[in-house]
Amino acid sequence: MNNKANTFLNAFGAGRSEVSIGGLSSKKLNYSLRTIQPISELDANSKALTFIQASIASGKSIDSRRTTVNLGVGHRLLVEDDMAIAGINVFTDYESKSSHKRLSLGLEYQRANFSVNINKYHIFSDKKLVNSVKERGMSGYDVKLSGQAPYLPWAKIKGTYYHWDTTAGPNIKGNILGVDIELTPSVSFEFGQENNNTINVKSYGKLTVKLPLGNKQKFTNFAIASKAFKDSRKMDLGALAWAERSNKIAKEIIIVQNGGVPPPPPPPPPVSVDHTMNGDISVDLKPIKRTTGHQSSAFVGGFNTIGAPQC
């Protein structure tokens, strides 16, 4: 099986490719395939890299299955005597069924024990009517941080702050904080919580398996290191780290009721939205309540608005 996975993934080129499957506890799976490929010459002496990153994902969004395609190009440079990587990227996103379109500009900075990604998203599609419901893509931004946990070289602390602009109700502002534990070089488990100004705190768990699996891998011994952090080292452009961003288009749902006149009963509750975790293979763990994503509900002028998740 591992040999077949190697053959399949190597067909995409010299870069990295990963397959993600989520929602295994439900009847409808969420899946994605992403790849990052160098388009400039890349060897041990390279000081710059131009690359493309692409992904396609399918999963439940609002009340229907959507397919989202992401395509981006980026450029990275070794800086600070090769001890860090700085980069910039531009992406375009397209969601089927709704035909939502979005552009993003991203900046990134990587060191051996720390990384930061800043992304600005701009929606440029109009309001869409999907399954008799009017919806609108949202613009916004996010900041993603990741760093080694002190004295625990096998664990990373990950944090995200996000902001989505709405047309009705408060803008969505929130954060995600998690810990990613390396079980083997190819298997990791992430858990954490998400919170914003429109939902209660949500907990999540995610199991990630990188394909293809390495041979003769050993489990992490979970030893506590004598130093708080690993020594800094020179960075390698050939590692082809992912340009971390939100691949799913965040949406504001507007349900028109009685021609804009508020009905006597209260507005219906927010629509439950599946949230596909980033990762290679994501398995929903039943003991841990899975994050449903960013949701906001506000009743303004007879419109009920619901903010959809980021991925």
C-alpha atoms as a PDB file:
ATOM      1  CA  MET A   1       0.000   0.000   0.000  1.00  0.00           C
ATOM      2  CA  ASN A   2       2.830   2.387   0.852  1.00  0.00           C
ATOM      3  CA  ASN A   3       4.502   1.695  -2.506  1.00  0.00           C
ATOM      4  CA  LYS A   4       1.233   2.476  -4.307  1.00  0.00           C
ATOM      5  CA  ALA A   5       0.924   5.733  -2.352  1.00  0.00           C
ATOM      6  CA  ASN A   6       4.497   6.657  -3.312  1.00  0.00           C
ATOM      7  CA  THR A   7       3.805   5.985  -6.982  1.00  0.00           C
ATOM      8  CA  PHE A   8       0.578   7.996  -6.924  1.00  0.00           C
ATOM      9  CA  LEU A   9       1.986  11.027  -5.109  1.00  0.00           C
ATOM     10  CA  ASN A  10       5.225  11.114  -7.108  1.00  0.00           C
ATOM     11  CA  ALA A  11       3.154  11.502 -10.263  1.00  0.00           C
ATOM     12  CA  PHE A  12       2.410  15.089  -9.220  1.00  0.00           C
ATOM     13  CA  GLY A  13       6.049  16.142  -9.518  1.00  0.00           C
ATOM     14  CA  ALA A  14       9.153  16.723  -7.413  1.00  0.00           C
ATOM     15  CA  GLY A  15       7.339  18.573  -4.651  1.00  0.00           C
ATOM     16  CA  ARG A  16       4.995  17.470  -1.871  1.00  0.00           C
ATOM     17  CA  SER A  17       1.458  16.164  -2.195  1.00  0.00           C
ATOM     18  CA  GLU A  18      -0.993  15.241   0.532  1.00  0.00           C
ATOM     19  CA  VAL A  19      -4.417  13.654   0.698  1.00  0.00           C
ATOM     20  CA  SER A  20      -6.900  14.601   3.426  1.00  0.00           C
ATOM     21  CA  ILE A  21     -10.028  12.716   4.467  1.00  0.00           C
ATOM     22  CA  GLY A  22     -12.310  13.979   7.202  1.00  0.00           C
ATOM     23  CA  GLY A  23     -15.696  13.176   8.668  1.00  0.00           C
ATOM     24  CA  LEU A  24     -15.108   9.434   8.835  1.00  0.00           C
ATOM     25  CA  SER A  25     -17.771   9.139  11.551  1.00  0.00           C
ATOM     26  CA  SER A  26     -20.459  10.432   9.177  1.00  0.00           C
ATOM     27  CA  LYS A  27     -21.949   9.094   5.972  1.00  0.00           C
ATOM     28  CA  LYS A  28     -20.644  11.988   3.877  1.00  0.00           C
ATOM     29  CA  LEU A  29     -16.871  12.306   3.720  1.00  0.00           C
ATOM     30  CA  ASN A  30     -14.914  15.518   3.345  1.00  0.00           C
ATOM     31  CA  TYR A  31     -11.794  15.120   1.262  1.00  0.00           C
ATOM     32  CA  SER A  32      -9.027  17.233  -0.197  1.00  0.00           C
ATOM     33  CA  LEU A  33      -5.887  16.878  -2.254  1.00  0.00           C
ATOM     34  CA  ARG A  34      -3.139  19.495  -2.146  1.00  0.00           C
ATOM     35  CA  THR A  35       0.271  19.791  -3.713  1.00  0.00           C
ATOM     36  CA  ILE A  36       3.175  22.234  -3.642  1.00  0.00           C
ATOM     37  CA  GLN A  37       5.625  22.138  -6.548  1.00  0.00           C
ATOM     38  CA  PRO A  38       8.786  24.152  -7.318  1.00  0.00           C
ATOM     39  CA  ILE A  39       8.754  25.912 -10.685  1.00  0.00           C
ATOM     40  CA  SER A  40      12.231  27.419 -10.357  1.00  0.00           C
ATOM     41  CA  GLU A  41      15.471  25.455 -10.131  1.00  0.00           C
ATOM     42  CA  LEU A  42      15.843  23.952  -6.667  1.00  0.00           C
ATOM     43  CA  ASP A  43      18.977  22.359  -5.215  1.00  0.00           C
ATOM     44  CA  ALA A  44      21.054  22.437  -2.025  1.00  0.00           C
ATOM     45  CA  ASN A  45      22.570  25.808  -2.990  1.00  0.00           C
ATOM     46  CA  SER A  46      19.326  27.583  -3.938  1.00  0.00           C
ATOM     47  CA  LYS A  47      18.768  30.945  -2.249  1.00  0.00           C
ATOM     48  CA  ALA A  48      15.352  31.609  -3.803  1.00  0.00           C
ATOM     49  CA  LEU A  49      12.342  29.527  -4.756  1.00  0.00           C
ATOM     50  CA  THR A  50       9.268  30.139  -6.874  1.00  0.00           C
ATOM     51  CA  PHE A  51       6.506  27.597  -6.390  1.00  0.00           C
ATOM     52  CA  ILE A  52       2.886  26.808  -7.099  1.00  0.00           C
ATOM     53  CA  GLN A  53       0.476  25.413  -4.531  1.00  0.00           C
ATOM     54  CA  ALA A  54      -2.875  23.950  -5.483  1.00  0.00           C
ATOM     55  CA  SER A  55      -5.665  22.101  -3.741  1.00  0.00           C
ATOM     56  CA  ILE A  56      -9.130  20.758  -4.389  1.00  0.00           C
ATOM     57  CA  ALA A  57     -11.534  19.919  -1.583  1.00  0.00           C
ATOM     58  CA  SER A  58     -15.101  18.699  -1.314  1.00  0.00           C
ATOM     59  CA  GLY A  59     -17.283  18.787   1.771  1.00  0.00           C
ATOM     60  CA  LYS A  60     -20.538  19.949   3.288  1.00  0.00           C
ATOM     61  CA  SER A  61     -20.989  23.716   3.451  1.00  0.00           C
ATOM     62  CA  ILE A  62     -24.218  25.204   4.825  1.00  0.00           C
ATOM     63  CA  ASP A  63     -26.741  22.636   3.498  1.00  0.00           C
ATOM     64  CA  SER A  64     -25.054  21.245   0.400  1.00  0.00           C
ATOM     65  CA  ARG A  65     -21.811  19.672  -0.765  1.00  0.00           C
ATOM     66  CA  ARG A  66     -19.384  22.172  -2.278  1.00  0.00           C
ATOM     67  CA  THR A  67     -16.117  21.707  -4.121  1.00  0.00           C
ATOM     68  CA  THR A  68     -13.456  24.391  -3.624  1.00  0.00           C
ATOM     69  CA  VAL A  69     -10.422  24.830  -5.863  1.00  0.00           C
ATOM     70  CA  ASN A  70      -7.384  26.859  -4.744  1.00  0.00           C
ATOM     71  CA  LEU A  71      -4.444  27.828  -6.934  1.00  0.00           C
ATOM     72  CA  GLY A  72      -1.547  30.043  -5.901  1.00  0.00           C
ATOM     73  CA  VAL A  73       1.970  31.079  -6.765  1.00  0.00           C
ATOM     74  CA  GLY A  74       4.597  32.135  -4.258  1.00  0.00           C
ATOM     75  CA  HIS A  75       8.190  33.279  -3.977  1.00  0.00           C
ATOM     76  CA  ARG A  76      10.555  32.610  -1.057  1.00  0.00           C
ATOM     77  CA  LEU A  77      14.023  33.888  -0.168  1.00  0.00           C
ATOM     78  CA  LEU A  78      16.617  32.721   2.321  1.00  0.00           C
ATOM     79  CA  VAL A  79      17.408  35.653   4.633  1.00  0.00           C
ATOM     80  CA  GLU A  80      19.373  36.379   7.810  1.00  0.00           C
ATOM     81  CA  ASP A  81      22.400  34.310   6.724  1.00  0.00           C
ATOM     82  CA  ASP A  82      20.096  31.464   5.666  1.00  0.00           C
ATOM     83  CA  MET A  83      18.620  31.210   9.176  1.00  0.00           C
ATOM     84  CA  ALA A  84      15.128  32.245   8.025  1.00  0.00           C
ATOM     85  CA  ILE A  85      12.801  32.162   5.026  1.00  0.00           C
ATOM     86  CA  ALA A  86      10.666  35.122   3.949  1.00  0.00           C
ATOM     87  CA  GLY A  87       8.020  34.832   1.282  1.00  0.00           C
ATOM     88  CA  ILE A  88       4.982  36.251  -0.478  1.00  0.00           C
ATOM     89  CA  ASN A  89       2.137  34.477  -2.250  1.00  0.00           C
ATOM     90  CA  VAL A  90      -1.019  35.187  -4.243  1.00  0.00           C
ATOM     91  CA  PHE A  91      -3.974  32.769  -4.400  1.00  0.00           C
ATOM     92  CA  THR A  92      -7.283  32.537  -6.185  1.00  0.00           C
ATOM     93  CA  ASP A  93     -10.172  30.475  -4.806  1.00  0.00           C
ATOM     94  CA  TYR A  94     -13.302  29.196  -6.547  1.00  0.00           C
ATOM     95  CA  GLU A  95     -16.270  27.369  -5.031  1.00  0.00           C
ATOM     96  CA  SER A  96     -18.547  25.250  -7.193  1.00  0.00           C
ATOM     97  CA  LYS A  97     -22.342  25.386  -6.943  1.00  0.00           C
ATOM     98  CA  SER A  98     -22.213  28.984  -5.662  1.00  0.00           C
ATOM     99  CA  SER A  99     -19.521  30.240  -8.087  1.00  0.00           C
ATOM    100  CA  HIS A 100     -17.990  32.342  -5.304  1.00  0.00           C
ATOM    101  CA  LYS A 101     -14.576  33.762  -6.230  1.00  0.00           C
ATOM    102  CA  ARG A 102     -11.871  35.125  -3.951  1.00  0.00           C
ATOM    103  CA  LEU A 103      -8.314  36.464  -4.125  1.00  0.00           C
ATOM    104  CA  SER A 104      -5.751  36.518  -1.327  1.00  0.00           C
ATOM    105  CA  LEU A 105      -2.339  38.007  -0.661  1.00  0.00           C
ATOM    106  CA  GLY A 106      -0.111  36.278   1.877  1.00  0.00           C
ATOM    107  CA  LEU A 107       3.168  36.983   3.659  1.00  0.00           C
ATOM    108  CA  GLU A 108       5.202  34.341   5.483  1.00  0.00           C
ATOM    109  CA  TYR A 109       8.231  34.097   7.737  1.00  0.00           C
ATOM    110  CA  GLN A 110       9.814  30.808   8.819  1.00  0.00           C
ATOM    111  CA  ARG A 111      12.540  29.857  11.262  1.00  0.00           C
ATOM    112  CA  ALA A 112      13.552  26.461  12.620  1.00  0.00           C
ATOM    113  CA  ASN A 113      11.321  26.785  15.694  1.00  0.00           C
ATOM    114  CA  PHE A 114       8.782  29.390  14.640  1.00  0.00           C
ATOM    115  CA  SER A 115       6.639  30.464  11.692  1.00  0.00           C
ATOM    116  CA  VAL A 116       4.045  33.146  10.955  1.00  0.00           C
ATOM    117  CA  ASN A 117       1.629  33.512   8.031  1.00  0.00           C
ATOM    118  CA  ILE A 118      -0.495  36.613   7.402  1.00  0.00           C
ATOM    119  CA  ASN A 119      -3.252  36.440   4.783  1.00  0.00           C
ATOM    120  CA  LYS A 120      -5.639  39.074   3.427  1.00  0.00           C
ATOM    121  CA  TYR A 121      -8.723  37.792   1.557  1.00  0.00           C
ATOM    122  CA  HIS A 122     -10.881  39.738  -0.899  1.00  0.00           C
ATOM    123  CA  ILE A 123     -14.148  38.353  -2.236  1.00  0.00           C
ATOM    124  CA  PHE A 124     -15.007  39.583  -5.736  1.00  0.00           C
ATOM    125  CA  SER A 125     -18.168  37.637  -6.531  1.00  0.00           C
ATOM    126  CA  ASP A 126     -21.683  39.018  -6.040  1.00  0.00           C
ATOM    127  CA  LYS A 127     -24.404  37.601  -3.825  1.00  0.00           C
ATOM    128  CA  LYS A 128     -25.527  34.153  -4.953  1.00  0.00           C
ATOM    129  CA  LEU A 129     -28.784  32.233  -4.629  1.00  0.00           C
ATOM    130  CA  VAL A 130     -28.117  28.603  -3.675  1.00  0.00           C
ATOM    131  CA  ASN A 131     -30.974  26.237  -2.812  1.00  0.00           C
ATOM    132  CA  SER A 132     -33.347  29.215  -2.412  1.00  0.00           C
ATOM    133  CA  VAL A 133     -30.988  30.858   0.070  1.00  0.00           C
ATOM    134  CA  LYS A 134     -29.102  34.053  -0.730  1.00  0.00           C
ATOM    135  CA  GLU A 135     -25.471  34.012   0.388  1.00  0.00           C
ATOM    136  CA  ARG A 136     -22.454  36.271   0.143  1.00  0.00           C
ATOM    137  CA  GLY A 137     -18.755  35.499   0.378  1.00  0.00           C
ATOM    138  CA  MET A 138     -16.881  37.435   3.046  1.00  0.00           C
ATOM    139  CA  SER A 139     -13.591  39.308   2.889  1.00  0.00           C
ATOM    140  CA  GLY A 140     -11.236  39.349   5.848  1.00  0.00           C
ATOM    141  CA  TYR A 141      -7.820  38.358   7.120  1.00  0.00           C
ATOM    142  CA  ASP A 142      -6.074  35.909   9.416  1.00  0.00           C
ATOM    143  CA  VAL A 143      -2.759  35.561  11.234  1.00  0.00           C
ATOM    144  CA  LYS A 144      -1.383  32.070  11.837  1.00  0.00           C
ATOM    145  CA  LEU A 145       1.451  31.362  14.304  1.00  0.00           C
ATOM    146  CA  SER A 146       3.245  28.097  15.033  1.00  0.00           C
ATOM    147  CA  GLY A 147       6.165  27.379  17.343  1.00  0.00           C
ATOM    148  CA  GLN A 148       7.830  24.641  19.347  1.00  0.00           C
ATOM    149  CA  ALA A 149       6.510  24.089  22.866  1.00  0.00           C
ATOM    150  CA  PRO A 150       9.235  24.861  25.475  1.00  0.00           C
ATOM    151  CA  TYR A 151      11.196  21.738  26.485  1.00  0.00           C
ATOM    152  CA  LEU A 152       8.945  19.592  24.264  1.00  0.00           C
ATOM    153  CA  PRO A 153      10.589  19.275  20.827  1.00  0.00           C
ATOM    154  CA  TRP A 154       7.854  16.855  19.715  1.00  0.00           C
ATOM    155  CA  ALA A 155       5.032  19.372  20.271  1.00  0.00           C
ATOM    156  CA  LYS A 156       4.007  22.586  18.511  1.00  0.00           C
ATOM    157  CA  ILE A 157       1.780  25.350  19.819  1.00  0.00           C
ATOM    158  CA  LYS A 158      -0.454  26.723  17.055  1.00  0.00           C
ATOM    159  CA  GLY A 159      -2.577  29.846  17.113  1.00  0.00           C
ATOM    160  CA  THR A 160      -4.820  31.623  14.611  1.00  0.00           C
ATOM    161  CA  TYR A 161      -6.581  34.984  14.810  1.00  0.00           C
ATOM    162  CA  TYR A 162      -9.234  35.644  12.153  1.00  0.00           C
ATOM    163  CA  HIS A 163     -11.554  38.491  11.156  1.00  0.00           C
ATOM    164  CA  TRP A 164     -14.410  38.284   8.629  1.00  0.00           C
ATOM    165  CA  ASP A 165     -16.389  41.311   7.427  1.00  0.00           C
ATOM    166  CA  THR A 166     -20.187  40.959   7.455  1.00  0.00           C
ATOM    167  CA  THR A 167     -22.869  43.233   5.992  1.00  0.00           C
ATOM    168  CA  ALA A 168     -25.413  42.581   8.756  1.00  0.00           C
ATOM    169  CA  GLY A 169     -24.610  42.015  12.383  1.00  0.00           C
ATOM    170  CA  PRO A 170     -21.185  42.198  14.020  1.00  0.00           C
ATOM    171  CA  ASN A 171     -18.020  41.331  12.140  1.00  0.00           C
ATOM    172  CA  ILE A 172     -16.737  37.883  13.063  1.00  0.00           C
ATOM    173  CA  LYS A 173     -13.588  38.018  15.207  1.00  0.00           C
ATOM    174  CA  GLY A 174     -12.092  34.929  16.786  1.00  0.00           C
ATOM    175  CA  ASN A 175      -9.125  32.740  17.522  1.00  0.00           C
ATOM    176  CA  ILE A 176      -8.057  29.111  17.456  1.00  0.00           C
ATOM    177  CA  LEU A 177      -5.456  27.750  19.876  1.00  0.00           C
ATOM    178  CA  GLY A 178      -4.130  24.212  19.629  1.00  0.00           C
ATOM    179  CA  VAL A 179      -1.271  21.824  20.363  1.00  0.00           C
ATOM    180  CA  ASP A 180       0.111  19.505  17.687  1.00  0.00           C
ATOM    181  CA  ILE A 181       1.899  16.405  19.062  1.00  0.00           C
ATOM    182  CA  GLU A 182       4.159  14.300  16.845  1.00  0.00           C
ATOM    183  CA  LEU A 183       3.473  10.605  17.525  1.00  0.00           C
ATOM    184  CA  THR A 184       5.813   9.378  14.774  1.00  0.00           C
ATOM    185  CA  PRO A 185       7.553  11.266  11.938  1.00  0.00           C
ATOM    186  CA  SER A 186       4.426  10.627   9.835  1.00  0.00           C
ATOM    187  CA  VAL A 187       1.627  10.734  12.410  1.00  0.00           C
ATOM    188  CA  SER A 188       0.536  13.631  14.621  1.00  0.00           C
ATOM    189  CA  PHE A 189      -2.439  14.504  16.784  1.00  0.00           C
ATOM    190  CA  GLU A 190      -3.734  18.052  17.205  1.00  0.00           C
ATOM    191  CA  PHE A 191      -6.272  19.236  19.748  1.00  0.00           C
ATOM    192  CA  GLY A 192      -7.463  22.653  20.810  1.00  0.00           C
ATOM    193  CA  GLN A 193     -10.293  25.149  21.031  1.00  0.00           C
ATOM    194  CA  GLU A 194     -11.891  27.815  18.857  1.00  0.00           C
ATOM    195  CA  ASN A 195     -13.691  30.889  20.149  1.00  0.00           C
ATOM    196  CA  ASN A 196     -15.169  34.020  18.583  1.00  0.00           C
ATOM    197  CA  ASN A 197     -17.661  36.782  19.312  1.00  0.00           C
ATOM    198  CA  THR A 198     -20.607  34.867  17.834  1.00  0.00           C
ATOM    199  CA  ILE A 199     -20.263  31.292  19.163  1.00  0.00           C
ATOM    200  CA  ASN A 200     -19.461  29.475  22.379  1.00  0.00           C
ATOM    201  CA  VAL A 201     -16.057  27.841  22.798  1.00  0.00           C
ATOM    202  CA  LYS A 202     -15.682  24.779  20.558  1.00  0.00           C
ATOM    203  CA  SER A 203     -13.187  21.963  21.089  1.00  0.00           C
ATOM    204  CA  TYR A 204     -11.657  19.884  18.319  1.00  0.00           C
ATOM    205  CA  GLY A 205      -9.349  16.947  17.758  1.00  0.00           C
ATOM    206  CA  LYS A 206      -7.500  15.960  14.584  1.00  0.00           C
ATOM    207  CA  LEU A 207      -5.376  12.960  13.666  1.00  0.00           C
ATOM    208  CA  THR A 208      -2.987  13.572  10.758  1.00  0.00           C
ATOM    209  CA  VAL A 209      -1.136  10.942   8.730  1.00  0.00           C
ATOM    210  CA  LYS A 210       1.382  12.061   6.127  1.00  0.00           C
ATOM    211  CA  LEU A 211       1.479  10.038   2.932  1.00  0.00           C
ATOM    212  CA  PRO A 212       3.480   8.178   1.861  1.00  0.00           C
ATOM    213  CA  LEU A 213       4.489   6.674   5.192  1.00  0.00           C
ATOM    214  CA  GLY A 214       8.190   6.342   5.937  1.00  0.00           C
ATOM    215  CA  ASN A 215       9.764   2.961   6.544  1.00  0.00           C
ATOM    216  CA  LYS A 216      10.708   1.633  10.005  1.00  0.00           C
ATOM    217  CA  GLN A 217       9.418   4.661  11.867  1.00  0.00           C
ATOM    218  CA  LYS A 218       9.573   4.718  15.658  1.00  0.00           C
ATOM    219  CA  PHE A 219       7.135   6.242  18.121  1.00  0.00           C
ATOM    220  CA  THR A 220       8.150   9.461  19.839  1.00  0.00           C
ATOM    221  CA  ASN A 221       9.579   8.825  23.321  1.00  0.00           C
ATOM    222  CA  PHE A 222       8.051  12.089  24.639  1.00  0.00           C
ATOM    223  CA  ALA A 223      11.207  12.946  26.564  1.00  0.00           C
ATOM    224  CA  ILE A 224      11.545  16.372  28.172  1.00  0.00           C
ATOM    225  CA  ALA A 225      14.543  18.200  26.712  1.00  0.00           C
ATOM    226  CA  SER A 226      17.211  19.868  28.840  1.00  0.00           C
ATOM    227  CA  LYS A 227      16.940  23.038  26.712  1.00  0.00           C
ATOM    228  CA  ALA A 228      13.781  25.061  26.205  1.00  0.00           C
ATOM    229  CA  PHE A 229      14.179  25.187  22.427  1.00  0.00           C
ATOM    230  CA  LYS A 230      16.165  23.416  19.740  1.00  0.00           C
ATOM    231  CA  ASP A 231      19.236  25.200  18.465  1.00  0.00           C
ATOM    232  CA  SER A 232      18.613  27.443  15.487  1.00  0.00           C
ATOM    233  CA  ARG A 233      19.757  25.987  12.206  1.00  0.00           C
ATOM    234  CA  LYS A 234      19.959  26.999   8.585  1.00  0.00           C
ATOM    235  CA  MET A 235      16.708  26.725   6.681  1.00  0.00           C
ATOM    236  CA  ASP A 236      16.150  24.575   3.610  1.00  0.00           C
ATOM    237  CA  LEU A 237      13.941  25.812   0.779  1.00  0.00           C
ATOM    238  CA  GLY A 238      13.621  22.198  -0.340  1.00  0.00           C
ATOM    239  CA  ALA A 239      11.491  21.408   2.718  1.00  0.00           C
ATOM    240  CA  LEU A 240       8.597  23.015   0.800  1.00  0.00           C
ATOM    241  CA  ALA A 241       6.555  24.053   3.825  1.00  0.00           C
ATOM    242  CA  TRP A 242       2.922  24.770   3.059  1.00  0.00           C
ATOM    243  CA  ALA A 243       1.738  28.328   2.589  1.00  0.00           C
ATOM    244  CA  GLU A 244      -0.705  28.228   5.506  1.00  0.00           C
ATOM    245  CA  ARG A 245      -4.047  29.916   4.775  1.00  0.00           C
ATOM    246  CA  SER A 246      -7.821  29.426   4.904  1.00  0.00           C
ATOM    247  CA  ASN A 247      -8.724  27.453   1.796  1.00  0.00           C
ATOM    248  CA  LYS A 248     -12.505  27.414   2.281  1.00  0.00           C
ATOM    249  CA  ILE A 249     -14.382  30.588   1.345  1.00  0.00           C
ATOM    250  CA  ALA A 250     -16.161  32.068   4.373  1.00  0.00           C
ATOM    251  CA  LYS A 251     -19.781  32.926   3.604  1.00  0.00           C
ATOM    252  CA  GLU A 252     -22.544  35.073   5.040  1.00  0.00           C
ATOM    253  CA  ILE A 253     -25.968  33.514   4.554  1.00  0.00           C
ATOM    254  CA  ILE A 254     -28.986  35.803   4.135  1.00  0.00           C
ATOM    255  CA  ILE A 255     -32.399  34.147   4.399  1.00  0.00           C
ATOM    256  CA  VAL A 256     -35.144  36.480   3.147  1.00  0.00           C
ATOM    257  CA  GLN A 257     -38.286  36.205   5.247  1.00  0.00           C
ATOM    258  CA  ASN A 258     -41.688  37.791   4.441  1.00  0.00           C
ATOM    259  CA  GLY A 259     -40.266  40.355   2.052  1.00  0.00           C
ATOM    260  CA  GLY A 260     -37.950  41.793   4.670  1.00  0.00           C
ATOM    261  CA  VAL A 261     -40.589  42.079   7.435  1.00  0.00           C
ATOM    262  CA  PRO A 262     -39.575  40.230  10.637  1.00  0.00           C
ATOM    263  CA  PRO A 263     -42.011  37.398  11.436  1.00  0.00           C
ATOM    264  CA  PRO A 264     -43.493  37.099  14.947  1.00  0.00           C
ATOM    265  CA  PRO A 265     -41.479  34.013  16.034  1.00  0.00           C
ATOM    266  CA  PRO A 266     -37.726  34.300  16.678  1.00  0.00           C
ATOM    267  CA  PRO A 267     -35.343  33.593  13.799  1.00  0.00           C
ATOM    268  CA  PRO A 268     -34.346  29.966  13.205  1.00  0.00           C
ATOM    269  CA  PRO A 269     -31.118  28.715  14.792  1.00  0.00           C
ATOM    270  CA  PRO A 270     -27.860  28.892  12.817  1.00  0.00           C
ATOM    271  CA  VAL A 271     -27.358  26.223  10.205  1.00  0.00           C
ATOM    272  CA  SER A 272     -24.833  23.618  11.303  1.00  0.00           C
ATOM    273  CA  VAL A 273     -21.764  23.731   9.076  1.00  0.00           C
ATOM    274  CA  ASP A 274     -19.172  21.002   8.734  1.00  0.00           C
ATOM    275  CA  HIS A 275     -15.583  22.139   9.199  1.00  0.00           C
ATOM    276  CA  THR A 276     -12.875  20.253   7.321  1.00  0.00           C
ATOM    277  CA  MET A 277      -9.646  20.324   9.299  1.00  0.00           C
ATOM    278  CA  ASN A 278      -6.364  20.971   7.544  1.00  0.00           C
ATOM    279  CA  GLY A 279      -4.046  17.985   7.440  1.00  0.00           C
ATOM    280  CA  ASP A 280      -3.164  14.934   5.477  1.00  0.00           C
ATOM    281  CA  ILE A 281      -5.730  12.500   6.839  1.00  0.00           C
ATOM    282  CA  SER A 282      -8.139  13.985   9.359  1.00  0.00           C
ATOM    283  CA  VAL A 283     -10.226  11.644  11.487  1.00  0.00           C
ATOM    284  CA  ASP A 284     -13.046  12.986  13.625  1.00  0.00           C
ATOM    285  CA  LEU A 285     -12.761  11.605  17.155  1.00  0.00           C
ATOM    286  CA  LYS A 286     -16.160  11.096  18.750  1.00  0.00           C
ATOM    287  CA  PRO A 287     -15.080  11.777  22.376  1.00  0.00           C
ATOM    288  CA  ILE A 288     -14.036  15.298  21.341  1.00  0.00           C
ATOM    289  CA  LYS A 289     -16.624  17.729  20.000  1.00  0.00           C
ATOM    290  CA  ARG A 290     -15.479  18.796  16.557  1.00  0.00           C
ATOM    291  CA  THR A 291     -15.237  22.463  15.649  1.00  0.00           C
ATOM    292  CA  THR A 292     -18.127  23.486  13.394  1.00  0.00           C
ATOM    293  CA  GLY A 293     -16.385  26.632  12.213  1.00  0.00           C
ATOM    294  CA  HIS A 294     -17.203  30.314  12.488  1.00  0.00           C
ATOM    295  CA  GLN A 295     -20.900  31.052  12.789  1.00  0.00           C
ATOM    296  CA  SER A 296     -22.724  34.278  13.538  1.00  0.00           C
ATOM    297  CA  SER A 297     -26.442  34.862  13.733  1.00  0.00           C
ATOM    298  CA  ALA A 298     -28.025  38.314  13.689  1.00  0.00           C
ATOM    299  CA  PHE A 299     -31.574  39.403  12.896  1.00  0.00           C
ATOM    300  CA  VAL A 300     -31.550  42.758  11.106  1.00  0.00           C
ATOM    301  CA  GLY A 301     -34.384  44.136   9.000  1.00  0.00           C
ATOM    302  CA  GLY A 302     -35.924  40.727   8.474  1.00  0.00           C
ATOM    303  CA  PHE A 303     -32.685  39.063   7.346  1.00  0.00           C
ATOM    304  CA  ASN A 304     -31.077  36.202   9.256  1.00  0.00           C
ATOM    305  CA  THR A 305     -27.324  36.091   8.624  1.00  0.00           C
ATOM    306  CA  ILE A 306     -25.065  33.188   9.368  1.00  0.00           C
ATOM    307  CA  GLY A 307     -21.297  33.314   9.039  1.00  0.00           C
ATOM    308  CA  ALA A 308     -19.868  30.158   7.537  1.00  0.00           C
ATOM    309  CA  PRO A 309     -16.581  28.554   8.570  1.00  0.00           C
ATOM    310  CA  GLN A 310     -13.020  29.065   7.551  1.00  0.00           C
ATOM    311  CA  CYS A 311     -10.931  26.058   6.732  1.00  0.00           C
END
